[in-house]
N, C-alpha and C. Protein backbone atom coordinates (compact mmCIF):
# COMPACT_ATOMS: atom_id res chain seq x y z
N MET A 1 -19.40 108.13 -89.75
CA MET A 1 -19.45 109.37 -89.01
C MET A 1 -19.30 109.05 -87.52
N ALA A 2 -18.43 109.78 -86.87
CA ALA A 2 -18.19 109.56 -85.44
C ALA A 2 -19.38 110.04 -84.63
N LYS A 3 -19.71 109.27 -83.64
CA LYS A 3 -20.79 109.64 -82.73
C LYS A 3 -20.22 110.46 -81.58
N ALA A 4 -21.10 111.16 -80.91
CA ALA A 4 -20.66 111.96 -79.76
C ALA A 4 -20.14 111.03 -78.66
N ALA A 5 -19.11 111.49 -77.97
CA ALA A 5 -18.52 110.70 -76.89
C ALA A 5 -19.55 110.52 -75.78
N ARG A 6 -19.58 109.32 -75.25
CA ARG A 6 -20.39 109.06 -74.07
C ARG A 6 -19.49 109.13 -72.87
N ARG A 7 -19.96 109.73 -71.83
CA ARG A 7 -19.16 109.93 -70.63
C ARG A 7 -19.65 108.97 -69.55
N TYR A 8 -18.70 108.25 -68.98
CA TYR A 8 -19.01 107.30 -67.92
C TYR A 8 -18.27 107.71 -66.66
N ARG A 9 -18.86 107.47 -65.52
CA ARG A 9 -18.24 107.78 -64.23
C ARG A 9 -17.86 106.46 -63.58
N PHE A 10 -16.62 106.36 -63.11
CA PHE A 10 -16.12 105.17 -62.45
C PHE A 10 -15.95 105.49 -60.98
N ASP A 11 -16.69 104.82 -60.13
CA ASP A 11 -16.59 105.03 -58.69
C ASP A 11 -15.89 103.84 -58.05
N CYS A 12 -14.91 104.11 -57.22
CA CYS A 12 -14.18 103.06 -56.53
C CYS A 12 -14.22 103.36 -55.05
N ASP A 13 -14.76 102.43 -54.28
CA ASP A 13 -14.83 102.60 -52.83
C ASP A 13 -15.49 103.94 -52.47
N ASP A 14 -16.55 104.28 -53.17
CA ASP A 14 -17.30 105.50 -52.91
C ASP A 14 -16.48 106.78 -53.12
N ARG A 15 -15.36 106.67 -53.79
CA ARG A 15 -14.57 107.86 -54.13
C ARG A 15 -14.71 108.10 -55.62
N ASP A 16 -15.04 109.30 -55.99
CA ASP A 16 -15.16 109.65 -57.40
C ASP A 16 -13.76 109.89 -57.94
N VAL A 17 -13.22 108.94 -58.68
CA VAL A 17 -11.81 108.98 -59.02
C VAL A 17 -11.56 109.37 -60.47
N THR A 18 -12.24 108.74 -61.40
CA THR A 18 -11.83 108.85 -62.79
C THR A 18 -13.01 109.09 -63.71
N ASP A 19 -12.84 109.97 -64.66
CA ASP A 19 -13.78 110.10 -65.76
C ASP A 19 -13.26 109.23 -66.90
N ILE A 20 -14.11 108.36 -67.39
CA ILE A 20 -13.75 107.51 -68.51
C ILE A 20 -14.61 107.92 -69.69
N GLU A 21 -13.98 108.16 -70.81
CA GLU A 21 -14.71 108.48 -72.03
C GLU A 21 -14.49 107.39 -73.05
N ILE A 22 -15.57 107.00 -73.72
CA ILE A 22 -15.50 106.05 -74.82
C ILE A 22 -16.16 106.73 -76.00
N ALA A 23 -15.42 106.87 -77.10
CA ALA A 23 -15.95 107.57 -78.26
C ALA A 23 -15.63 106.78 -79.53
N GLN A 24 -16.62 106.65 -80.39
CA GLN A 24 -16.39 106.01 -81.68
C GLN A 24 -15.54 106.95 -82.53
N VAL A 25 -14.55 106.37 -83.24
CA VAL A 25 -13.64 107.17 -84.06
C VAL A 25 -13.48 106.55 -85.44
N ASP A 26 -12.88 107.28 -86.33
CA ASP A 26 -12.53 106.78 -87.66
C ASP A 26 -11.14 106.18 -87.57
N GLU A 27 -11.00 104.88 -87.80
CA GLU A 27 -9.71 104.19 -87.66
C GLU A 27 -8.65 104.70 -88.64
N ARG A 28 -9.04 105.47 -89.62
CA ARG A 28 -8.10 105.98 -90.62
C ARG A 28 -7.40 107.26 -90.18
N ASP A 29 -7.64 107.71 -88.93
CA ASP A 29 -7.06 108.98 -88.51
C ASP A 29 -5.61 108.85 -88.01
N SER A 30 -5.07 107.63 -87.96
CA SER A 30 -3.67 107.46 -87.53
C SER A 30 -2.77 107.42 -88.76
N SER A 31 -1.53 107.89 -88.58
CA SER A 31 -0.61 107.96 -89.72
C SER A 31 0.50 106.93 -89.65
N TRP A 32 0.60 106.16 -88.56
CA TRP A 32 1.63 105.12 -88.48
C TRP A 32 1.22 104.04 -87.50
N GLU A 33 1.84 102.87 -87.63
CA GLU A 33 1.64 101.74 -86.73
C GLU A 33 3.00 101.15 -86.40
N ASP A 34 3.08 100.51 -85.25
CA ASP A 34 4.31 99.85 -84.84
C ASP A 34 3.98 98.38 -84.57
N HIS A 35 4.45 97.49 -85.44
CA HIS A 35 4.18 96.06 -85.29
C HIS A 35 5.24 95.36 -84.43
N HIS A 36 6.20 96.10 -83.94
CA HIS A 36 7.27 95.55 -83.10
C HIS A 36 7.47 96.44 -81.88
N PRO A 37 6.48 96.49 -80.99
CA PRO A 37 6.58 97.40 -79.84
C PRO A 37 7.62 96.96 -78.82
N ARG A 38 8.07 97.93 -78.06
CA ARG A 38 8.96 97.70 -76.92
C ARG A 38 8.16 98.07 -75.67
N PHE A 39 8.06 97.10 -74.77
CA PHE A 39 7.36 97.31 -73.51
C PHE A 39 8.39 97.41 -72.40
N ARG A 40 8.07 98.20 -71.39
CA ARG A 40 8.94 98.31 -70.23
C ARG A 40 8.16 97.81 -69.01
N VAL A 41 8.77 96.86 -68.30
CA VAL A 41 8.16 96.28 -67.10
C VAL A 41 8.92 96.80 -65.89
N TYR A 42 8.18 97.38 -64.96
CA TYR A 42 8.72 97.82 -63.68
C TYR A 42 8.28 96.80 -62.63
N LEU A 43 9.23 96.21 -61.95
CA LEU A 43 8.94 95.35 -60.80
C LEU A 43 9.32 96.14 -59.56
N HIS A 44 8.39 96.22 -58.61
CA HIS A 44 8.58 97.04 -57.42
C HIS A 44 8.63 96.17 -56.18
N GLY A 45 9.65 96.38 -55.38
CA GLY A 45 9.72 95.74 -54.06
C GLY A 45 8.89 96.55 -53.09
N SER A 46 7.60 96.45 -53.24
CA SER A 46 6.65 97.28 -52.52
C SER A 46 6.38 96.77 -51.12
N GLY A 47 5.83 97.65 -50.30
CA GLY A 47 5.37 97.26 -48.98
C GLY A 47 3.99 96.63 -49.05
N GLU A 48 3.46 96.28 -47.92
CA GLU A 48 2.14 95.65 -47.86
C GLU A 48 1.04 96.58 -48.36
N SER A 49 1.14 97.87 -48.03
CA SER A 49 0.07 98.81 -48.38
C SER A 49 0.57 99.98 -49.21
N SER A 50 1.78 99.88 -49.76
CA SER A 50 2.35 100.95 -50.55
C SER A 50 3.19 100.37 -51.69
N THR A 51 3.16 101.04 -52.83
CA THR A 51 3.96 100.58 -53.97
C THR A 51 5.38 101.13 -53.94
N TYR A 52 5.71 101.97 -52.96
CA TYR A 52 7.05 102.55 -52.88
C TYR A 52 8.07 101.47 -52.51
N GLY A 53 9.26 101.57 -53.10
CA GLY A 53 10.34 100.63 -52.79
C GLY A 53 11.31 100.56 -53.95
N TRP A 54 12.17 99.55 -53.91
CA TRP A 54 13.15 99.40 -54.98
C TRP A 54 12.44 99.04 -56.28
N THR A 55 13.11 99.30 -57.39
CA THR A 55 12.55 99.02 -58.71
C THR A 55 13.60 98.29 -59.55
N ASP A 56 13.16 97.27 -60.25
CA ASP A 56 13.99 96.58 -61.23
C ASP A 56 13.22 96.64 -62.55
N THR A 57 13.87 97.08 -63.61
CA THR A 57 13.18 97.42 -64.84
C THR A 57 13.71 96.60 -66.01
N TYR A 58 12.80 96.13 -66.86
CA TYR A 58 13.15 95.29 -68.01
C TYR A 58 12.41 95.77 -69.24
N ASP A 59 13.08 95.75 -70.39
CA ASP A 59 12.42 95.98 -71.67
C ASP A 59 12.13 94.62 -72.30
N VAL A 60 10.92 94.49 -72.86
CA VAL A 60 10.48 93.25 -73.49
C VAL A 60 10.08 93.57 -74.92
N THR A 61 10.64 92.85 -75.88
CA THR A 61 10.27 92.97 -77.28
C THR A 61 9.88 91.60 -77.80
N GLY A 62 9.21 91.55 -78.94
CA GLY A 62 8.82 90.29 -79.54
C GLY A 62 7.58 89.67 -78.90
N ALA A 63 6.87 90.42 -78.09
CA ALA A 63 5.68 89.93 -77.41
C ALA A 63 4.58 90.99 -77.52
N ASP A 64 3.34 90.55 -77.30
CA ASP A 64 2.25 91.53 -77.26
C ASP A 64 1.96 91.86 -75.78
N VAL A 65 1.04 92.78 -75.57
CA VAL A 65 0.82 93.29 -74.21
C VAL A 65 0.32 92.20 -73.26
N LEU A 66 -0.51 91.27 -73.72
CA LEU A 66 -0.97 90.20 -72.83
C LEU A 66 0.19 89.30 -72.41
N GLN A 67 1.08 89.00 -73.34
CA GLN A 67 2.24 88.19 -73.01
C GLN A 67 3.15 88.90 -72.02
N VAL A 68 3.30 90.20 -72.17
CA VAL A 68 4.14 90.98 -71.25
C VAL A 68 3.51 91.01 -69.86
N ILE A 69 2.19 91.19 -69.79
CA ILE A 69 1.51 91.16 -68.49
C ILE A 69 1.69 89.79 -67.85
N ASP A 70 1.58 88.73 -68.63
CA ASP A 70 1.79 87.38 -68.12
C ASP A 70 3.19 87.25 -67.52
N TRP A 71 4.21 87.70 -68.23
CA TRP A 71 5.59 87.60 -67.74
C TRP A 71 5.75 88.43 -66.46
N ALA A 72 5.21 89.66 -66.47
CA ALA A 72 5.34 90.54 -65.30
C ALA A 72 4.67 89.91 -64.08
N GLN A 73 3.48 89.35 -64.26
CA GLN A 73 2.77 88.73 -63.13
C GLN A 73 3.52 87.52 -62.60
N ARG A 74 4.11 86.74 -63.50
CA ARG A 74 4.89 85.58 -63.04
C ARG A 74 6.08 86.03 -62.20
N GLN A 75 6.69 87.13 -62.58
CA GLN A 75 7.84 87.63 -61.83
C GLN A 75 7.38 88.19 -60.48
N ALA A 76 6.29 88.94 -60.50
CA ALA A 76 5.84 89.61 -59.28
C ALA A 76 5.26 88.64 -58.25
N GLY A 77 4.56 87.62 -58.71
CA GLY A 77 3.92 86.71 -57.78
C GLY A 77 3.05 87.48 -56.80
N GLY A 78 3.01 87.04 -55.56
CA GLY A 78 2.22 87.72 -54.54
C GLY A 78 3.03 88.66 -53.69
N LEU A 79 4.32 88.86 -54.05
CA LEU A 79 5.19 89.69 -53.22
C LEU A 79 5.48 91.07 -53.81
N LEU A 80 5.66 91.15 -55.12
CA LEU A 80 6.03 92.41 -55.76
C LEU A 80 4.81 93.02 -56.43
N THR A 81 4.90 94.29 -56.79
CA THR A 81 3.92 94.90 -57.69
C THR A 81 4.63 95.12 -59.02
N TYR A 82 3.83 95.34 -60.06
CA TYR A 82 4.42 95.55 -61.38
C TYR A 82 3.62 96.61 -62.13
N ALA A 83 4.27 97.18 -63.12
CA ALA A 83 3.62 98.11 -64.03
C ALA A 83 4.20 97.85 -65.42
N VAL A 84 3.39 98.10 -66.44
CA VAL A 84 3.82 97.89 -67.83
C VAL A 84 3.57 99.17 -68.61
N ALA A 85 4.60 99.59 -69.36
CA ALA A 85 4.49 100.79 -70.19
C ALA A 85 4.89 100.46 -71.61
N LEU A 86 4.37 101.22 -72.55
CA LEU A 86 4.79 101.16 -73.94
C LEU A 86 5.89 102.20 -74.12
N VAL A 87 7.03 101.79 -74.64
CA VAL A 87 8.16 102.69 -74.85
C VAL A 87 8.03 103.30 -76.24
N SER A 88 8.14 104.61 -76.34
CA SER A 88 8.08 105.30 -77.63
C SER A 88 9.27 106.21 -77.78
N ASP A 89 9.89 106.14 -78.93
CA ASP A 89 10.98 107.04 -79.29
C ASP A 89 10.46 108.03 -80.33
N LEU A 90 10.48 109.31 -79.97
CA LEU A 90 10.02 110.33 -80.90
C LEU A 90 11.11 110.62 -81.91
N ASP A 91 10.70 110.98 -83.11
CA ASP A 91 11.68 111.35 -84.12
C ASP A 91 12.51 112.51 -83.61
N SER A 92 13.82 112.35 -83.69
CA SER A 92 14.69 113.44 -83.24
C SER A 92 15.19 114.21 -84.45
N HIS A 93 15.59 115.43 -84.20
CA HIS A 93 16.16 116.25 -85.27
C HIS A 93 17.53 115.69 -85.65
N ALA A 94 17.94 115.89 -86.86
CA ALA A 94 19.20 115.33 -87.36
C ALA A 94 20.39 115.75 -86.49
N GLU A 95 20.35 116.95 -85.92
CA GLU A 95 21.49 117.42 -85.14
C GLU A 95 21.50 116.84 -83.72
N LYS A 96 20.39 116.26 -83.27
CA LYS A 96 20.34 115.67 -81.94
C LYS A 96 20.88 114.25 -81.98
N VAL A 97 21.69 113.92 -80.99
CA VAL A 97 22.25 112.58 -80.91
C VAL A 97 21.38 111.69 -80.03
N GLU A 98 20.90 112.23 -78.91
CA GLU A 98 20.12 111.41 -78.00
C GLU A 98 18.70 111.20 -78.52
N VAL A 99 18.09 110.13 -78.07
CA VAL A 99 16.73 109.80 -78.45
C VAL A 99 15.77 110.41 -77.44
N ASP A 100 14.67 110.94 -77.91
CA ASP A 100 13.64 111.48 -77.04
C ASP A 100 12.67 110.33 -76.74
N ARG A 101 12.91 109.64 -75.62
CA ARG A 101 12.17 108.43 -75.26
C ARG A 101 11.13 108.76 -74.20
N GLY A 102 9.96 108.18 -74.34
CA GLY A 102 8.89 108.37 -73.38
C GLY A 102 8.14 107.09 -73.12
N LEU A 103 7.28 107.11 -72.10
CA LEU A 103 6.50 105.95 -71.71
C LEU A 103 5.02 106.29 -71.71
N THR A 104 4.22 105.34 -72.15
CA THR A 104 2.77 105.40 -72.01
C THR A 104 2.39 104.25 -71.10
N TRP A 105 1.84 104.56 -69.93
CA TRP A 105 1.50 103.51 -68.97
C TRP A 105 0.29 102.74 -69.46
N LEU A 106 0.43 101.42 -69.51
CA LEU A 106 -0.66 100.54 -69.94
C LEU A 106 -1.31 99.83 -68.76
N VAL A 107 -0.49 99.40 -67.82
CA VAL A 107 -0.96 98.73 -66.60
C VAL A 107 -0.18 99.32 -65.44
N GLY A 108 -0.86 99.97 -64.51
CA GLY A 108 -0.18 100.58 -63.38
C GLY A 108 0.59 101.83 -63.78
N ILE A 109 1.42 102.29 -62.84
CA ILE A 109 2.31 103.43 -63.06
C ILE A 109 3.58 103.16 -62.27
N ASP A 110 4.53 104.07 -62.32
CA ASP A 110 5.73 103.92 -61.52
C ASP A 110 5.33 103.88 -60.05
N GLY A 111 5.68 102.82 -59.37
CA GLY A 111 5.29 102.65 -57.97
C GLY A 111 5.87 103.70 -57.05
N ASN A 112 6.91 104.40 -57.47
CA ASN A 112 7.53 105.43 -56.65
C ASN A 112 7.03 106.83 -56.96
N ASP A 113 6.06 106.94 -57.88
CA ASP A 113 5.48 108.26 -58.16
C ASP A 113 4.74 108.76 -56.93
N ASN A 114 4.86 110.05 -56.66
CA ASN A 114 4.12 110.68 -55.58
C ASN A 114 2.72 111.00 -56.10
N THR A 115 1.72 110.37 -55.53
CA THR A 115 0.35 110.55 -56.01
C THR A 115 -0.53 111.31 -55.01
N ASP A 116 0.10 112.07 -54.12
CA ASP A 116 -0.66 112.81 -53.11
C ASP A 116 -1.69 113.74 -53.74
N ARG A 117 -1.40 114.32 -54.88
CA ARG A 117 -2.32 115.25 -55.55
C ARG A 117 -2.81 114.69 -56.88
N ASP A 118 -2.74 113.38 -57.02
CA ASP A 118 -3.14 112.72 -58.26
C ASP A 118 -4.05 111.54 -57.94
N PRO A 119 -5.36 111.77 -57.81
CA PRO A 119 -6.27 110.70 -57.44
C PRO A 119 -6.24 109.53 -58.43
N ARG A 120 -6.10 109.83 -59.70
CA ARG A 120 -6.05 108.77 -60.71
C ARG A 120 -4.80 107.91 -60.52
N GLY A 121 -3.67 108.54 -60.27
CA GLY A 121 -2.43 107.80 -60.01
C GLY A 121 -2.51 106.99 -58.73
N ALA A 122 -3.10 107.58 -57.69
CA ALA A 122 -3.25 106.87 -56.42
C ALA A 122 -4.12 105.63 -56.60
N GLU A 123 -5.20 105.76 -57.35
CA GLU A 123 -6.08 104.62 -57.62
C GLU A 123 -5.33 103.55 -58.42
N SER A 124 -4.51 103.96 -59.36
CA SER A 124 -3.71 103.00 -60.13
C SER A 124 -2.77 102.22 -59.23
N GLN A 125 -2.14 102.91 -58.27
CA GLN A 125 -1.24 102.23 -57.34
C GLN A 125 -2.02 101.27 -56.44
N LEU A 126 -3.22 101.62 -56.04
CA LEU A 126 -4.04 100.69 -55.24
C LEU A 126 -4.39 99.44 -56.04
N ARG A 127 -4.70 99.62 -57.32
CA ARG A 127 -4.99 98.46 -58.16
C ARG A 127 -3.75 97.59 -58.35
N MET A 128 -2.57 98.22 -58.40
CA MET A 128 -1.32 97.45 -58.49
C MET A 128 -1.18 96.53 -57.27
N LEU A 129 -1.46 97.07 -56.10
CA LEU A 129 -1.40 96.27 -54.87
C LEU A 129 -2.43 95.14 -54.90
N ALA A 130 -3.62 95.42 -55.39
CA ALA A 130 -4.69 94.42 -55.44
C ALA A 130 -4.34 93.27 -56.38
N ARG A 131 -3.61 93.56 -57.45
CA ARG A 131 -3.26 92.51 -58.42
C ARG A 131 -2.32 91.46 -57.83
N ARG A 132 -1.70 91.73 -56.69
CA ARG A 132 -0.89 90.70 -56.03
C ARG A 132 -1.75 89.49 -55.69
N HIS A 133 -3.00 89.72 -55.28
CA HIS A 133 -3.88 88.65 -54.82
C HIS A 133 -5.00 88.35 -55.81
N ASP A 134 -5.19 89.23 -56.77
CA ASP A 134 -6.25 89.07 -57.77
C ASP A 134 -5.66 89.43 -59.14
N PRO A 135 -4.81 88.54 -59.70
CA PRO A 135 -4.09 88.87 -60.93
C PRO A 135 -5.00 88.94 -62.16
N VAL A 136 -4.50 89.59 -63.18
CA VAL A 136 -5.17 89.63 -64.47
C VAL A 136 -5.17 88.20 -65.02
N ILE A 137 -6.31 87.76 -65.52
CA ILE A 137 -6.40 86.41 -66.07
C ILE A 137 -5.98 86.45 -67.54
N ILE A 138 -4.93 85.72 -67.86
CA ILE A 138 -4.39 85.67 -69.21
C ILE A 138 -4.78 84.33 -69.83
N PRO A 139 -5.47 84.33 -70.97
CA PRO A 139 -5.82 83.06 -71.61
C PRO A 139 -4.56 82.25 -71.96
N ALA A 140 -4.68 80.94 -71.94
CA ALA A 140 -3.53 80.04 -72.16
C ALA A 140 -2.79 80.37 -73.45
N LYS A 141 -3.48 80.67 -74.52
CA LYS A 141 -2.83 80.96 -75.81
C LYS A 141 -2.03 82.26 -75.79
N ASP A 142 -2.31 83.14 -74.82
CA ASP A 142 -1.62 84.43 -74.73
C ASP A 142 -0.49 84.42 -73.73
N ARG A 143 -0.25 83.29 -73.08
CA ARG A 143 0.84 83.22 -72.10
C ARG A 143 2.17 83.02 -72.81
N LEU A 144 3.21 83.58 -72.23
CA LEU A 144 4.55 83.35 -72.75
C LEU A 144 4.99 81.93 -72.40
N PRO A 145 5.80 81.32 -73.25
CA PRO A 145 6.25 79.95 -72.96
C PRO A 145 7.20 79.93 -71.76
N ASP A 146 7.25 78.80 -71.10
CA ASP A 146 8.21 78.60 -70.02
C ASP A 146 9.61 78.61 -70.61
N GLY A 147 10.60 78.84 -69.77
CA GLY A 147 11.98 78.81 -70.22
C GLY A 147 12.57 80.17 -70.55
N LEU A 148 11.75 81.22 -70.50
CA LEU A 148 12.26 82.57 -70.73
C LEU A 148 12.94 83.07 -69.47
N PRO A 149 13.79 84.08 -69.58
CA PRO A 149 14.42 84.62 -68.37
C PRO A 149 13.37 84.94 -67.31
N ALA A 150 13.63 84.51 -66.09
CA ALA A 150 12.71 84.72 -64.98
C ALA A 150 13.52 85.15 -63.76
N PRO A 151 13.91 86.41 -63.71
CA PRO A 151 14.79 86.84 -62.63
C PRO A 151 14.15 86.81 -61.25
N TYR A 152 12.82 86.79 -61.17
CA TYR A 152 12.19 86.85 -59.85
C TYR A 152 11.31 85.65 -59.53
N ASN A 153 10.74 84.99 -60.50
CA ASN A 153 9.97 83.78 -60.25
C ASN A 153 9.09 83.88 -59.01
N ASP A 154 7.93 84.50 -59.17
CA ASP A 154 6.95 84.66 -58.09
C ASP A 154 7.41 85.59 -56.98
N GLY A 155 8.18 86.62 -57.30
CA GLY A 155 8.54 87.62 -56.33
C GLY A 155 9.81 87.33 -55.55
N THR A 156 10.38 86.15 -55.74
CA THR A 156 11.61 85.79 -55.03
C THR A 156 12.77 85.88 -56.02
N GLU A 157 13.72 86.72 -55.72
CA GLU A 157 14.84 86.92 -56.63
C GLU A 157 15.55 85.59 -56.85
N SER A 158 15.72 85.20 -58.12
CA SER A 158 16.29 83.89 -58.43
C SER A 158 17.60 84.00 -59.21
N ARG A 159 18.19 85.19 -59.19
CA ARG A 159 19.45 85.34 -59.93
C ARG A 159 20.60 84.80 -59.11
């Protein structure tokens, strides 16, 4: 039996930014799983205090989310910001030719999104900037092997 959701308040720099809810659920309530996800990595040529700038985007398959974060961080180094999304294609009607594709942001958001009226998005962009100097720690077993395409190698374009 599911328990009532507990509500937690997350305060960042004395600003009340985000409500976080954690609720116990029945794992049988989902009707499908995807064992071969497609992740989208956004690399942003951001400024010192802003995530706005040019964007270079890559789809990554055959990896899990920790491996994708590892690859994105290696590309971004201390110069770029990055964001990671899960790519989902919704079932389209037989008469539709195009795919209805969407993104679920897992780490960060699009660095060029206007967050003037979106405190949660603005906080996400600030955390993107902070990860330049305080990256996510990826355990050795979850890192991608060397030798994979590395177009930026620590934020410096290497193509």
